[in-house]
Amino acid sequence: MRHMIYLEKLFGFDGQVAVVIGGTGVLCGEMAEGLGKAGAHVVVAGRNEQRGSTRVKAIEEQGGSASFAVVDAMEKHSIQMLCDKVLADHGRVDAVINGAGVNSATPYFEIEEDEFDRVVKSNLAGVHYSCQVFGRAMIDSGSGGSILNIGSVTSFLPLSKVFTYSASKAAVLSLTKNVAREFATQGVRVNCLCPGFFPAEQNRKILSEERVADIMRHTPMDRFGEPEELIGATLLLLSRSAGSFITGEAIYVDGGFTSMTI
């Protein structure tokens, strides 16, 4: 019993409010469920109400507390409206995950301006807007908080075939470190979680048999990740206790992908 109390103190989120932007997706949805199991009230935020409601129901069925809120992560005013709603409904925001994003496998010379702008706005600008909006709210509250941006193994290593995605995720890591330095003395921590290959909607279209073989040759654990394998790092980085001295860092959950050279 004593060890359970200790673990709850380190990784528990009772009484806290966590906003998961992109929580309607596969990976961030699983992270949202993990936060719900850890005791947080989870605001699942995204554009698809049906998927959001399904995720909220899953969290509630596991004994957690959750609600859905609409947000367009590519528009700052929409993120501001989300933040205002969370504060009006719950009076606080303790943790935010910035996980909305899109991918594209267009050959380099065929990438059009609108596609480039869409990927960068979703993957990078949306993170920037959210750090501004929720970072300000956390600082102004005097209670601080934690922001977790979702990067990728391509935040560290460029990946072939996904040029714009790769560039945007590298920029997310740079932004994370810069904003973490900016907020460090104001009680707000900012970190980056960088998943390896977790087959989901946005990357299945580029996972040909040949591509899968290339990925496995570069992954020492010789398998894809499972969404629930992101929860441990998520709880660590967002925890006010266990993660209290961690900011500006990137944790790669990738089966060893970024450790591989030849």
Protein backbone atom coordinates (compact mmCIF):
# COMPACT_ATOMS: atom_id res chain seq x y z
CA MET A 1 0.00 0.00 0.00
CA ARG A 2 2.86 2.37 0.85
CA HIS A 3 4.40 2.00 -2.58
CA MET A 4 1.07 2.84 -4.23
CA ILE A 5 0.84 6.07 -2.24
CA TYR A 6 4.39 6.91 -3.29
CA LEU A 7 3.65 6.28 -6.97
CA GLU A 8 0.44 8.31 -6.81
CA LYS A 9 2.39 11.21 -5.32
CA LEU A 10 4.93 11.03 -8.14
CA PHE A 11 2.65 10.36 -11.09
CA GLY A 12 -0.88 11.14 -9.92
CA PHE A 13 -2.96 13.93 -11.48
CA ASP A 14 -5.89 14.06 -9.07
CA GLY A 15 -7.58 17.48 -9.18
CA GLN A 16 -5.65 18.55 -12.25
CA VAL A 17 -6.97 19.52 -15.68
CA ALA A 18 -5.16 18.29 -18.77
CA VAL A 19 -5.92 19.51 -22.30
CA VAL A 20 -5.00 17.16 -25.14
CA ILE A 21 -5.04 18.95 -28.49
CA GLY A 22 -5.18 16.20 -31.07
CA GLY A 23 -6.81 13.88 -28.55
CA THR A 24 -9.18 12.62 -31.24
CA GLY A 25 -6.24 10.86 -32.93
CA VAL A 26 -4.78 7.43 -32.21
CA LEU A 27 -1.62 8.32 -30.31
CA CYS A 28 -2.77 11.41 -28.41
CA GLY A 29 -6.06 9.67 -27.71
CA GLU A 30 -4.17 6.91 -25.93
CA MET A 31 -2.18 9.52 -24.02
CA ALA A 32 -5.46 11.19 -23.03
CA GLU A 33 -6.72 7.90 -21.66
CA GLY A 34 -3.52 7.50 -19.66
CA LEU A 35 -3.99 10.92 -18.09
CA GLY A 36 -7.58 10.02 -17.26
CA LYS A 37 -6.47 6.83 -15.51
CA ALA A 38 -3.91 8.89 -13.57
CA GLY A 39 -6.70 11.08 -12.16
CA ALA A 40 -6.79 14.16 -14.38
CA HIS A 41 -9.92 15.64 -15.86
CA VAL A 42 -9.05 15.37 -19.56
CA VAL A 43 -10.29 17.84 -22.14
CA VAL A 44 -10.10 15.96 -25.43
CA ALA A 45 -9.72 18.70 -28.05
CA GLY A 46 -9.98 18.33 -31.80
CA ARG A 47 -12.10 18.97 -34.86
CA ASN A 48 -13.97 15.67 -35.02
CA GLU A 49 -16.70 15.63 -32.40
CA GLN A 50 -17.65 12.01 -33.04
CA ARG A 51 -14.13 10.76 -32.44
CA GLY A 52 -13.77 13.07 -29.48
CA SER A 53 -16.96 11.82 -27.89
CA THR A 54 -15.84 8.23 -28.41
CA ARG A 55 -12.57 8.95 -26.63
CA VAL A 56 -14.37 10.74 -23.78
CA LYS A 57 -16.64 7.72 -23.35
CA ALA A 58 -13.62 5.41 -23.24
CA ILE A 59 -12.00 7.51 -20.50
CA GLU A 60 -15.22 7.59 -18.48
CA GLU A 61 -15.72 3.83 -18.84
CA GLN A 62 -12.30 3.38 -17.26
CA GLY A 63 -13.35 5.46 -14.26
CA GLY A 64 -11.89 8.76 -15.46
CA SER A 65 -13.33 12.20 -16.04
CA ALA A 66 -13.31 13.83 -19.47
CA SER A 67 -15.04 16.23 -21.82
CA PHE A 68 -14.75 17.17 -25.47
CA ALA A 69 -14.01 20.61 -26.88
CA VAL A 70 -13.77 21.71 -30.50
CA VAL A 71 -10.52 23.31 -31.64
CA ASP A 72 -8.79 24.05 -34.91
CA ALA A 73 -5.12 23.88 -33.95
CA MET A 74 -4.12 25.85 -37.05
CA GLU A 75 -5.97 28.97 -35.85
CA LYS A 76 -4.76 30.92 -32.84
CA HIS A 77 -8.19 32.39 -32.11
CA SER A 78 -9.61 28.86 -31.90
CA ILE A 79 -6.93 27.84 -29.39
CA GLN A 80 -7.67 30.98 -27.39
CA MET A 81 -11.37 30.08 -27.34
CA LEU A 82 -10.44 26.59 -26.14
CA CYS A 83 -8.29 27.98 -23.34
CA ASP A 84 -11.04 30.41 -22.30
CA LYS A 85 -13.57 27.58 -22.20
CA VAL A 86 -11.33 25.34 -20.11
CA LEU A 87 -10.72 28.13 -17.60
CA ALA A 88 -14.42 29.03 -17.49
CA ASP A 89 -15.47 25.40 -17.01
CA HIS A 90 -12.74 24.19 -14.67
CA GLY A 91 -10.95 27.27 -13.32
CA ARG A 92 -7.49 25.95 -14.13
CA VAL A 93 -5.27 24.21 -16.66
CA ASP A 94 -2.31 22.18 -15.42
CA ALA A 95 -1.11 20.30 -18.48
CA VAL A 96 -1.36 20.65 -22.23
CA ILE A 97 -0.38 18.23 -24.98
CA ASN A 98 0.13 19.72 -28.43
CA GLY A 99 -0.38 16.73 -30.67
CA ALA A 100 -2.42 17.84 -33.67
CA GLY A 101 -0.60 17.29 -36.94
CA VAL A 102 -0.62 16.08 -40.52
CA ASN A 103 1.83 14.28 -42.78
CA SER A 104 2.55 14.19 -46.49
CA ALA A 105 4.60 11.85 -48.67
CA THR A 106 4.64 14.04 -51.79
CA PRO A 107 7.89 13.81 -53.82
CA TYR A 108 10.04 16.85 -53.12
CA PHE A 109 9.74 18.63 -56.49
CA GLU A 110 5.97 18.11 -56.46
CA ILE A 111 5.28 19.77 -53.10
CA GLU A 112 2.94 22.69 -53.76
CA GLU A 113 2.85 25.85 -51.67
CA ASP A 114 -0.55 25.10 -50.18
CA GLU A 115 0.53 21.64 -49.05
CA PHE A 116 3.75 22.97 -47.52
CA ASP A 117 1.84 25.73 -45.72
CA ARG A 118 -0.80 23.30 -44.43
CA VAL A 119 1.73 20.88 -42.95
CA VAL A 120 3.85 23.61 -41.37
CA LYS A 121 0.82 25.44 -40.00
CA SER A 122 -0.61 22.30 -38.45
CA ASN A 123 2.59 20.79 -37.09
CA LEU A 124 4.55 23.90 -36.12
CA ALA A 125 2.38 27.01 -36.03
CA GLY A 126 -0.29 25.20 -34.02
CA VAL A 127 2.28 24.26 -31.38
CA HIS A 128 3.55 27.84 -31.29
CA TYR A 129 0.02 29.27 -30.89
CA SER A 130 -0.79 26.85 -28.09
CA CYS A 131 2.44 27.58 -26.21
CA GLN A 132 1.62 31.27 -26.40
CA VAL A 133 -2.01 30.92 -25.31
CA PHE A 134 -1.74 28.23 -22.64
CA GLY A 135 1.70 29.36 -21.50
CA ARG A 136 0.31 32.82 -20.78
CA ALA A 137 -2.67 31.36 -18.92
CA MET A 138 -0.42 29.16 -16.78
CA ILE A 139 1.94 32.02 -15.98
CA ASP A 140 -0.88 34.43 -15.20
CA SER A 141 -2.51 31.90 -12.87
CA GLY A 142 0.57 31.84 -10.67
CA SER A 143 0.24 28.05 -10.44
CA GLY A 144 2.41 27.16 -13.41
CA GLY A 145 1.96 24.00 -15.41
CA SER A 146 3.49 21.80 -18.06
CA ILE A 147 3.34 21.75 -21.84
CA LEU A 148 4.21 18.67 -23.87
CA ASN A 149 4.82 19.13 -27.59
CA ILE A 150 4.73 16.10 -29.85
CA GLY A 151 7.79 15.81 -32.03
CA SER A 152 9.08 12.75 -33.87
CA VAL A 153 12.24 10.78 -34.49
CA THR A 154 12.55 13.15 -37.43
CA SER A 155 12.98 15.99 -34.96
CA PHE A 156 16.48 14.48 -34.63
CA LEU A 157 17.07 12.68 -37.94
CA PRO A 158 15.63 13.73 -41.31
CA LEU A 159 13.42 11.06 -42.85
CA SER A 160 13.17 10.41 -46.56
CA LYS A 161 9.83 10.81 -48.37
CA VAL A 162 8.28 13.16 -45.77
CA PHE A 163 10.15 16.39 -46.44
CA THR A 164 7.78 18.99 -45.03
CA TYR A 165 6.77 16.84 -42.07
CA SER A 166 10.41 16.21 -41.25
CA ALA A 167 11.30 19.91 -41.36
CA SER A 168 8.28 20.88 -39.26
CA LYS A 169 9.02 18.33 -36.54
CA ALA A 170 12.66 19.43 -36.34
CA ALA A 171 11.36 22.95 -35.82
CA VAL A 172 9.00 21.75 -33.06
CA LEU A 173 12.00 20.54 -31.06
CA SER A 174 13.84 23.83 -31.56
CA LEU A 175 10.75 25.79 -30.53
CA THR A 176 10.29 23.57 -27.47
CA LYS A 177 13.80 24.26 -26.21
CA ASN A 178 13.50 27.99 -26.85
CA VAL A 179 10.12 28.36 -25.16
CA ALA A 180 11.26 26.18 -22.24
CA ARG A 181 14.10 28.62 -21.64
CA GLU A 182 11.65 31.54 -21.85
CA PHE A 183 9.23 30.03 -19.31
CA ALA A 184 11.74 28.34 -16.99
CA THR A 185 11.63 30.89 -14.17
CA GLN A 186 7.85 31.34 -14.41
CA GLY A 187 6.74 27.91 -13.29
CA VAL A 188 5.94 26.47 -16.71
CA ARG A 189 7.87 23.51 -18.07
CA VAL A 190 7.96 22.71 -21.80
CA ASN A 191 9.18 19.39 -23.18
CA CYS A 192 8.99 17.31 -26.34
CA LEU A 193 7.90 13.69 -26.71
CA CYS A 194 9.27 12.15 -29.90
CA PRO A 195 7.60 8.89 -30.96
CA GLY A 196 9.23 6.46 -33.32
CA PHE A 197 7.11 4.43 -35.71
CA PHE A 198 3.61 3.86 -34.39
CA PRO A 199 1.36 2.99 -37.35
CA ALA A 200 -1.53 5.45 -37.35
CA GLU A 201 -3.83 7.13 -39.83
CA GLN A 202 -1.38 9.80 -41.00
CA ASN A 203 1.53 7.46 -41.78
CA ARG A 204 -0.10 4.28 -43.03
CA LYS A 205 -0.16 5.57 -46.60
CA ILE A 206 3.65 5.66 -46.75
CA LEU A 207 4.23 2.32 -45.03
CA SER A 208 4.80 0.13 -48.07
CA GLU A 209 6.36 -3.29 -47.61
CA GLU A 210 9.72 -1.86 -48.66
CA ARG A 211 9.36 1.07 -46.28
CA VAL A 212 8.50 -1.24 -43.38
CA ALA A 213 11.60 -3.32 -44.09
CA ASP A 214 13.75 -0.17 -44.04
CA ILE A 215 12.23 0.92 -40.73
CA MET A 216 12.79 -2.47 -39.11
CA ARG A 217 16.44 -2.51 -40.22
CA HIS A 218 16.85 0.81 -38.40
CA THR A 219 14.90 -0.19 -35.27
CA PRO A 220 16.93 -2.37 -32.86
CA MET A 221 13.76 -3.66 -31.15
CA ASP A 222 12.57 -4.87 -34.59
CA ARG A 223 8.93 -3.89 -34.18
CA PHE A 224 6.52 -0.98 -34.28
CA GLY A 225 5.49 0.80 -31.10
CA GLU A 226 2.10 0.35 -29.46
CA PRO A 227 0.21 3.56 -28.55
CA GLU A 228 0.05 2.70 -24.85
CA GLU A 229 3.86 2.65 -24.77
CA LEU A 230 3.79 6.46 -24.93
CA ILE A 231 1.92 6.84 -21.65
CA GLY A 232 4.83 6.38 -19.25
CA ALA A 233 6.91 9.16 -20.80
CA THR A 234 3.80 11.35 -21.03
CA LEU A 235 3.07 11.06 -17.32
CA LEU A 236 6.70 11.68 -16.42
CA LEU A 237 7.02 14.84 -18.50
CA LEU A 238 3.69 16.29 -17.42
CA SER A 239 3.88 15.37 -13.75
CA ARG A 240 4.32 18.27 -11.34
CA SER A 241 6.25 15.96 -9.03
CA ALA A 242 8.19 13.36 -11.03
CA GLY A 243 9.02 15.79 -13.83
CA SER A 244 9.52 18.92 -11.75
CA PHE A 245 13.14 19.56 -12.86
CA ILE A 246 12.71 18.47 -16.48
CA THR A 247 12.30 21.20 -19.07
CA GLY A 248 13.54 21.80 -22.60
CA GLU A 249 14.13 18.09 -23.09
CA ALA A 250 13.16 15.54 -25.70
CA ILE A 251 12.37 11.93 -24.88
CA TYR A 252 12.48 9.52 -27.81
CA VAL A 253 10.14 6.54 -27.52
CA ASP A 254 11.34 4.78 -30.63
CA GLY A 255 12.59 1.26 -29.96
CA GLY A 256 16.15 2.50 -30.42
CA PHE A 257 15.60 4.08 -33.85
CA THR A 258 17.64 7.22 -33.10
CA SER A 259 20.47 5.11 -31.62
CA MET A 260 21.10 3.34 -34.92
CA THR A 261 23.74 4.34 -37.45
CA ILE A 262 24.76 1.36 -39.60
